Amino acid sequence: MSGSMMPHLKEIILNGEINGHSILAKTRLGFAVFQH
C-alpha cells in the first residue's frame, strides 16, 4: 500500500513546486509591471 502511495505523493509535491514557481513568476512579473 505504501508503495502505491509514493508516486502519488511525489506527484503532489511536484505539482506544488510547479504551482509555487508559476505563482512566484507571476508576482515577479506583477512587480515589474507595477514599477513601470
Protein backbone atom coordinates (compact mmCIF):
# COMPACT_ATOMS: atom_id res chain seq x y z
CA MET A 1 0.00 0.00 0.00
CA SER A 2 2.78 2.44 0.88
CA GLY A 3 4.45 1.51 -2.42
CA SER A 4 1.43 2.67 -4.43
CA MET A 5 1.19 5.87 -2.37
CA MET A 6 4.72 7.04 -3.15
CA PRO A 7 4.23 8.04 -6.83
CA HIS A 8 1.06 9.91 -5.89
CA LEU A 9 2.90 11.76 -3.11
CA LYS A 10 5.74 12.69 -5.50
CA GLU A 11 3.15 13.95 -8.00
CA ILE A 12 1.55 16.19 -5.36
CA ILE A 13 4.94 17.57 -4.30
CA LEU A 14 5.99 18.13 -7.92
CA ASN A 15 2.69 19.86 -8.75
CA GLY A 16 3.07 22.00 -5.65
CA GLU A 17 6.55 23.08 -6.75
CA ILE A 18 5.35 23.88 -10.27
CA ASN A 19 2.37 25.86 -8.94
CA GLY A 20 4.62 27.68 -6.49
CA HIS A 21 7.08 28.63 -9.23
CA SER A 22 4.32 29.87 -11.55
CA ILE A 23 2.85 31.99 -8.72
CA LEU A 24 6.31 33.35 -7.93
CA ALA A 25 6.90 34.15 -11.61
CA LYS A 26 3.52 35.90 -11.83
CA THR A 27 4.16 38.03 -8.73
CA ARG A 28 7.62 38.96 -10.05
CA LEU A 29 6.04 39.91 -13.38
CA GLY A 30 3.38 41.88 -11.50
CA PHE A 31 6.03 43.79 -9.51
CA ALA A 32 7.97 44.54 -12.72
CA VAL A 33 4.81 45.90 -14.38
CA PHE A 34 3.92 47.86 -11.24
CA GLN A 35 7.37 49.51 -11.14
CA HIS A 36 6.98 50.63 -14.76
